N, C-alpha and C. Protein backbone atom coordinates (compact mmCIF):
# COMPACT_ATOMS: atom_id res chain seq x y z
N MET A 1 -5.50 20.34 -2.38
CA MET A 1 -6.49 19.26 -2.02
C MET A 1 -6.63 18.17 -2.75
N SER A 2 -6.92 17.81 -3.15
CA SER A 2 -6.92 16.26 -4.26
C SER A 2 -8.72 16.41 -4.20
N LEU A 3 -8.91 15.60 -5.93
CA LEU A 3 -10.09 15.33 -6.01
C LEU A 3 -10.14 14.40 -7.61
N GLY A 4 -10.64 13.79 -6.94
CA GLY A 4 -11.39 12.34 -7.85
C GLY A 4 -10.37 11.53 -8.65
N ALA A 5 -10.52 10.12 -9.04
CA ALA A 5 -10.85 9.40 -9.57
C ALA A 5 -11.23 9.40 -10.45
N THR A 6 -10.75 8.70 -11.75
CA THR A 6 -10.80 7.86 -13.38
C THR A 6 -11.02 6.58 -12.93
N HIS A 7 -11.11 5.79 -13.37
CA HIS A 7 -11.55 4.00 -13.29
C HIS A 7 -12.28 3.81 -15.24
N GLU A 8 -10.81 4.02 -15.62
CA GLU A 8 -10.77 3.53 -16.98
C GLU A 8 -11.04 1.24 -17.21
N PHE A 9 -11.49 1.23 -17.64
CA PHE A 9 -11.03 -0.25 -17.82
C PHE A 9 -11.00 -0.72 -19.96
N LYS A 10 -9.12 0.03 -19.47
CA LYS A 10 -8.92 0.71 -21.37
C LYS A 10 -7.65 -0.10 -20.92
N THR A 11 -7.06 -0.93 -21.97
CA THR A 11 -5.63 -1.03 -22.17
C THR A 11 -4.36 -0.57 -21.73
N LYS A 12 -4.51 1.13 -21.80
CA LYS A 12 -3.73 1.97 -22.01
C LYS A 12 -4.31 2.49 -21.28
N ALA A 13 -3.03 3.08 -20.81
CA ALA A 13 -3.48 4.59 -19.09
C ALA A 13 -3.80 6.21 -19.35
N LEU A 14 -4.80 6.84 -19.13
CA LEU A 14 -4.48 7.42 -20.11
C LEU A 14 -3.16 8.32 -19.30
N ASP A 15 -2.90 9.63 -20.12
CA ASP A 15 -2.12 10.21 -19.41
C ASP A 15 -2.22 11.22 -19.46
N ALA A 16 -1.71 12.51 -18.70
CA ALA A 16 -2.33 13.62 -18.00
C ALA A 16 -2.75 14.41 -18.07
N GLU A 17 -3.09 14.62 -19.31
CA GLU A 17 -3.59 15.62 -19.66
C GLU A 17 -5.21 14.73 -20.50
N GLN A 18 -5.56 13.79 -20.39
CA GLN A 18 -6.58 12.30 -19.54
C GLN A 18 -7.55 12.83 -19.25
N VAL A 19 -5.97 12.35 -17.75
CA VAL A 19 -7.21 12.92 -16.62
C VAL A 19 -7.36 14.04 -16.13
N VAL A 20 -6.63 15.11 -16.89
CA VAL A 20 -7.01 15.91 -16.31
C VAL A 20 -8.59 16.50 -17.04
N ALA A 21 -8.62 16.06 -18.25
CA ALA A 21 -9.73 16.73 -18.86
C ALA A 21 -10.88 15.71 -18.33
N GLU A 22 -10.88 14.10 -18.21
CA GLU A 22 -12.19 13.14 -17.36
C GLU A 22 -12.21 14.40 -16.19
N LEU A 23 -12.02 14.07 -15.74
CA LEU A 23 -11.99 14.80 -14.05
C LEU A 23 -13.03 16.21 -14.27
N LYS A 24 -12.23 16.69 -14.66
CA LYS A 24 -13.28 17.96 -14.93
C LYS A 24 -14.11 17.94 -15.06
N ASP A 25 -14.46 17.01 -16.61
CA ASP A 25 -15.77 16.60 -17.09
C ASP A 25 -16.20 16.41 -15.77
N ARG A 26 -16.74 15.40 -15.49
CA ARG A 26 -17.13 14.69 -14.06
C ARG A 26 -17.69 15.58 -12.62
N SER A 27 -16.98 16.34 -13.28
CA SER A 27 -17.29 17.33 -11.61
C SER A 27 -17.87 19.38 -12.25
N TYR A 28 -16.86 19.68 -12.89
CA TYR A 28 -17.04 21.67 -13.43
C TYR A 28 -18.13 21.78 -12.53
N SER A 29 -19.37 21.01 -12.65
CA SER A 29 -20.81 21.58 -12.35
C SER A 29 -20.94 21.71 -11.26
N PHE A 30 -19.97 20.75 -10.29
CA PHE A 30 -20.15 21.08 -8.47
C PHE A 30 -19.75 21.55 -7.64
N ALA A 31 -17.87 22.03 -8.59
CA ALA A 31 -16.33 22.61 -8.17
C ALA A 31 -15.98 23.24 -9.29
N LYS A 32 -16.74 24.19 -9.82
CA LYS A 32 -17.25 25.20 -10.52
C LYS A 32 -15.54 26.73 -10.29
N GLU A 33 -15.53 26.39 -9.03
CA GLU A 33 -14.71 27.66 -8.44
C GLU A 33 -13.75 27.16 -8.42
N VAL A 34 -13.57 25.86 -7.98
CA VAL A 34 -12.19 25.16 -7.57
C VAL A 34 -11.23 25.08 -9.10
N TRP A 35 -12.09 25.02 -10.17
CA TRP A 35 -11.22 24.72 -11.60
C TRP A 35 -10.66 26.18 -11.95
N ASP A 36 -11.79 27.08 -12.26
CA ASP A 36 -11.09 28.55 -12.29
C ASP A 36 -10.91 29.04 -11.27
N SER A 37 -9.83 28.27 -10.66
CA SER A 37 -9.61 29.67 -9.27
C SER A 37 -8.34 28.75 -9.02
N SER A 38 -7.98 28.18 -9.66
CA SER A 38 -6.83 26.59 -9.20
C SER A 38 -5.84 26.16 -10.44
N LYS A 39 -5.19 25.03 -10.60
CA LYS A 39 -4.26 24.75 -11.57
C LYS A 39 -3.69 23.52 -11.02
N VAL A 40 -3.54 22.26 -11.74
CA VAL A 40 -3.35 21.19 -11.61
C VAL A 40 -1.57 21.07 -11.23
N SER A 41 -1.18 21.08 -9.72
CA SER A 41 -0.29 20.50 -9.75
C SER A 41 0.95 19.78 -9.91
N LYS A 42 0.06 18.25 -9.52
CA LYS A 42 0.61 17.12 -9.42
C LYS A 42 -0.95 15.72 -9.56
N ILE A 43 -0.12 14.74 -10.85
CA ILE A 43 -1.03 14.36 -10.54
C ILE A 43 -0.43 12.47 -9.99
N THR A 44 -1.24 11.40 -9.33
CA THR A 44 0.07 10.31 -8.75
C THR A 44 -1.19 9.06 -9.49
N GLY A 45 -1.09 8.38 -9.42
CA GLY A 45 -1.44 7.10 -9.65
C GLY A 45 -1.63 6.28 -8.58
N ALA A 46 -2.50 5.04 -9.24
CA ALA A 46 -2.31 4.01 -8.59
C ALA A 46 -3.17 2.55 -9.00
N LYS A 47 -3.37 1.73 -8.40
CA LYS A 47 -4.03 0.34 -8.80
C LYS A 47 -5.23 -0.02 -8.03
N ARG A 48 -6.11 -0.10 -8.35
CA ARG A 48 -7.61 -0.73 -7.56
C ARG A 48 -7.15 -2.22 -6.51
N VAL A 49 -7.63 -1.75 -5.12
CA VAL A 49 -6.48 -3.06 -4.22
C VAL A 49 -7.70 -3.44 -3.34
N GLN A 50 -8.45 -4.86 -3.33
CA GLN A 50 -9.40 -5.87 -2.41
C GLN A 50 -8.72 -7.27 -2.47
N SER A 51 -9.15 -7.25 -1.24
CA SER A 51 -8.34 -7.95 -0.27
C SER A 51 -9.40 -9.24 -1.01
N ASN A 52 -7.99 -10.40 -0.23
CA ASN A 52 -8.95 -12.01 -0.88
C ASN A 52 -10.02 -12.44 -0.76
N ARG A 53 -10.64 -13.02 -1.29
CA ARG A 53 -12.34 -13.79 -0.48
C ARG A 53 -11.71 -14.43 0.88
N GLY A 54 -12.72 -14.45 1.54
CA GLY A 54 -13.16 -15.13 2.13
C GLY A 54 -14.29 -15.38 2.81
N ASN A 55 -14.65 -15.99 3.85
CA ASN A 55 -16.63 -16.31 4.27
C ASN A 55 -17.13 -15.23 4.19
N PHE A 56 -16.06 -14.65 4.49
CA PHE A 56 -17.41 -13.54 5.02
C PHE A 56 -17.52 -12.39 3.35
N GLY A 57 -17.04 -13.47 2.74
CA GLY A 57 -17.21 -12.17 1.39
C GLY A 57 -15.79 -11.56 1.02
N ARG A 58 -15.31 -9.90 0.36
CA ARG A 58 -14.12 -9.86 0.22
C ARG A 58 -14.49 -8.05 1.69
N LEU A 59 -13.57 -8.06 2.33
CA LEU A 59 -13.59 -7.46 3.42
C LEU A 59 -13.30 -6.01 3.29
N PRO A 60 -13.39 -4.79 3.73
CA PRO A 60 -12.74 -4.37 3.45
C PRO A 60 -11.15 -3.52 4.05
N ILE A 61 -10.79 -2.68 3.03
CA ILE A 61 -9.03 -2.54 3.39
C ILE A 61 -9.89 -0.86 4.07
N ALA A 62 -9.23 -0.93 5.16
CA ALA A 62 -9.11 0.45 5.96
C ALA A 62 -7.98 0.34 6.94
N GLY A 63 -7.80 2.00 7.42
CA GLY A 63 -6.08 1.76 7.37
C GLY A 63 -5.11 3.27 7.23
N LYS A 64 -4.29 3.51 8.02
CA LYS A 64 -2.73 3.91 7.25
C LYS A 64 -2.00 3.24 6.42
N LEU A 65 -1.45 3.91 5.41
CA LEU A 65 -1.44 3.74 4.18
C LEU A 65 0.46 4.27 3.45
N ASP A 66 1.19 2.84 3.83
CA ASP A 66 2.41 2.85 3.64
C ASP A 66 3.03 4.20 2.41
N THR A 67 3.17 5.07 1.95
CA THR A 67 3.85 5.14 1.51
C THR A 67 4.47 6.57 0.49
N PRO A 68 6.06 6.19 -0.22
CA PRO A 68 6.55 8.14 -0.17
C PRO A 68 5.58 9.41 -0.87
N ILE A 69 5.31 8.74 -1.57
CA ILE A 69 4.56 9.66 -2.07
C ILE A 69 3.87 10.65 -1.14
N HIS A 70 2.56 10.53 -0.60
CA HIS A 70 2.72 11.01 0.15
C HIS A 70 2.35 10.21 1.87
N ASN A 71 2.72 11.01 2.80
CA ASN A 71 3.14 11.05 3.55
C ASN A 71 2.33 11.05 5.34
N ASN A 72 1.11 11.17 5.37
CA ASN A 72 -0.06 11.37 5.97
C ASN A 72 -1.77 10.67 5.03
N ALA A 73 -1.35 9.75 4.44
CA ALA A 73 -2.87 8.74 3.31
C ALA A 73 -3.32 7.64 4.68
N TRP A 74 -4.56 8.10 4.81
CA TRP A 74 -4.98 7.37 4.97
C TRP A 74 -6.02 6.26 4.16
N ILE A 75 -6.53 5.43 3.44
CA ILE A 75 -8.02 4.36 2.92
C ILE A 75 -8.18 3.51 3.46
N LEU A 76 -9.80 3.67 2.73
CA LEU A 76 -10.91 2.80 3.32
C LEU A 76 -11.60 2.35 2.03
N THR A 77 -11.42 0.93 2.15
CA THR A 77 -12.18 1.10 -0.37
C THR A 77 -12.04 -0.15 0.43
N GLY A 78 -13.07 -0.90 -0.81
CA GLY A 78 -13.18 -1.95 -0.81
C GLY A 78 -14.42 -2.40 -0.08
N LEU A 79 -15.04 -1.44 0.32
CA LEU A 79 -17.01 -1.48 0.41
C LEU A 79 -17.83 -2.13 -0.49
N SER A 80 -17.85 -1.61 -1.38
CA SER A 80 -19.06 -2.15 -2.53
C SER A 80 -20.20 -2.02 -2.07
N SER A 81 -21.17 -2.64 -2.55
CA SER A 81 -22.17 -1.79 -1.68
C SER A 81 -22.42 -1.98 -0.20
N ARG A 82 -22.29 -2.53 0.04
CA ARG A 82 -22.00 -2.45 1.43
C ARG A 82 -21.82 -0.53 1.65
N GLY A 83 -20.70 0.19 1.14
CA GLY A 83 -20.60 1.82 1.44
C GLY A 83 -21.89 2.33 1.75
N LEU A 84 -22.73 1.73 0.54
CA LEU A 84 -24.35 2.49 1.38
C LEU A 84 -24.69 1.83 2.86
N LEU A 85 -24.65 1.66 2.96
CA LEU A 85 -25.36 1.33 4.83
C LEU A 85 -23.91 1.93 5.64
N TYR A 86 -22.46 0.94 5.80
CA TYR A 86 -22.01 1.52 6.51
C TYR A 86 -21.49 2.30 6.09
N HIS A 87 -20.90 3.27 5.83
CA HIS A 87 -19.89 3.56 5.42
C HIS A 87 -19.67 4.38 6.66
N GLY A 88 -20.70 4.99 7.20
CA GLY A 88 -20.29 5.88 8.22
C GLY A 88 -19.32 5.05 9.65
N ILE A 89 -19.72 3.90 10.02
CA ILE A 89 -19.53 2.99 10.57
C ILE A 89 -18.33 3.18 10.14
N TYR A 90 -17.54 2.53 9.32
CA TYR A 90 -15.89 2.49 9.01
C TYR A 90 -15.72 3.81 8.62
N GLY A 91 -16.36 4.86 8.27
CA GLY A 91 -15.68 6.43 8.37
C GLY A 91 -14.86 6.73 9.99
N ARG A 92 -16.63 6.87 11.08
CA ARG A 92 -16.01 7.31 11.92
C ARG A 92 -14.41 6.32 12.73
N THR A 93 -14.61 4.76 12.09
CA THR A 93 -13.75 3.75 12.19
C THR A 93 -11.79 4.14 12.43
N VAL A 94 -12.25 4.32 10.36
CA VAL A 94 -11.20 5.21 10.60
C VAL A 94 -10.60 6.65 11.01
N ALA A 95 -11.11 7.13 11.17
CA ALA A 95 -11.36 8.64 12.17
C ALA A 95 -10.90 9.24 12.99
N THR A 96 -10.93 8.20 14.01
CA THR A 96 -10.70 6.91 15.43
C THR A 96 -8.91 6.65 15.06
N MET A 97 -8.82 5.87 13.92
CA MET A 97 -7.63 5.69 14.15
C MET A 97 -6.31 6.45 13.67
N MET A 98 -7.19 7.69 12.88
CA MET A 98 -6.69 8.78 13.16
C MET A 98 -6.10 9.94 14.09
N LEU A 99 -7.62 9.52 14.75
CA LEU A 99 -6.80 10.76 15.83
C LEU A 99 -5.93 10.10 17.34
N GLN A 100 -6.65 8.60 17.36
CA GLN A 100 -5.41 8.01 17.67
C GLN A 100 -3.27 8.05 17.82
N GLN A 101 -3.30 8.25 15.65
CA GLN A 101 -1.98 8.15 15.75
C GLN A 101 -1.59 8.97 15.66
N GLN A 102 -2.14 11.11 15.83
CA GLN A 102 -1.50 12.16 15.99
C GLN A 102 -1.46 11.57 17.31
N LEU A 103 -2.26 11.56 18.34
CA LEU A 103 -2.46 11.24 19.46
C LEU A 103 -0.59 10.75 20.13
N GLN A 104 -0.16 9.82 19.67
CA GLN A 104 0.82 8.92 19.86
C GLN A 104 1.94 8.99 19.20
N ASP A 105 1.70 10.01 18.17
CA ASP A 105 2.82 11.04 17.38
C ASP A 105 2.67 12.83 18.39
N HIS A 106 1.96 13.10 18.64
CA HIS A 106 2.10 13.80 19.49
C HIS A 106 2.72 13.49 20.96
N GLU A 107 2.70 12.59 21.71
CA GLU A 107 3.17 12.02 23.06
C GLU A 107 4.88 11.61 22.27
N LYS A 108 4.83 11.39 21.66
CA LYS A 108 6.68 11.05 20.72
C LYS A 108 7.48 11.96 20.55
N GLU A 109 6.57 12.88 20.21
CA GLU A 109 7.48 14.72 20.21
C GLU A 109 8.04 14.65 21.43
N GLY A 110 6.78 15.28 22.40
CA GLY A 110 6.65 14.94 23.64
C GLY A 110 7.76 14.97 23.88
N SER A 111 8.08 13.45 24.73
CA SER A 111 9.39 12.44 25.48
C SER A 111 10.66 12.15 24.48
N ASP A 112 10.64 13.26 23.40
CA ASP A 112 11.85 13.27 22.71
C ASP A 112 12.43 14.61 23.20
């Protein structure tokens, strides 16, 4: 299970213990069972990404993320305030992309 993200405006990144403490503080009230019955096995870090500003402002970024850490990571980011209105449309689009990839992978396995 993946849980949460921190949003820092500090010059020095939080260490692993600080990250766990912040996430637990923010999510314990609604995920008590997760915290009480689980342990943190891995912490990954990342940088914020955003698209270049164009005629229509900054466009969202969506799709499969090629990374050696997570072999099946999909992202949907950069919605900004548009997320309140369009999250369902973008979410459905990414879900369709994921299902198409799964179908292509399945067809490829069948032809090998």
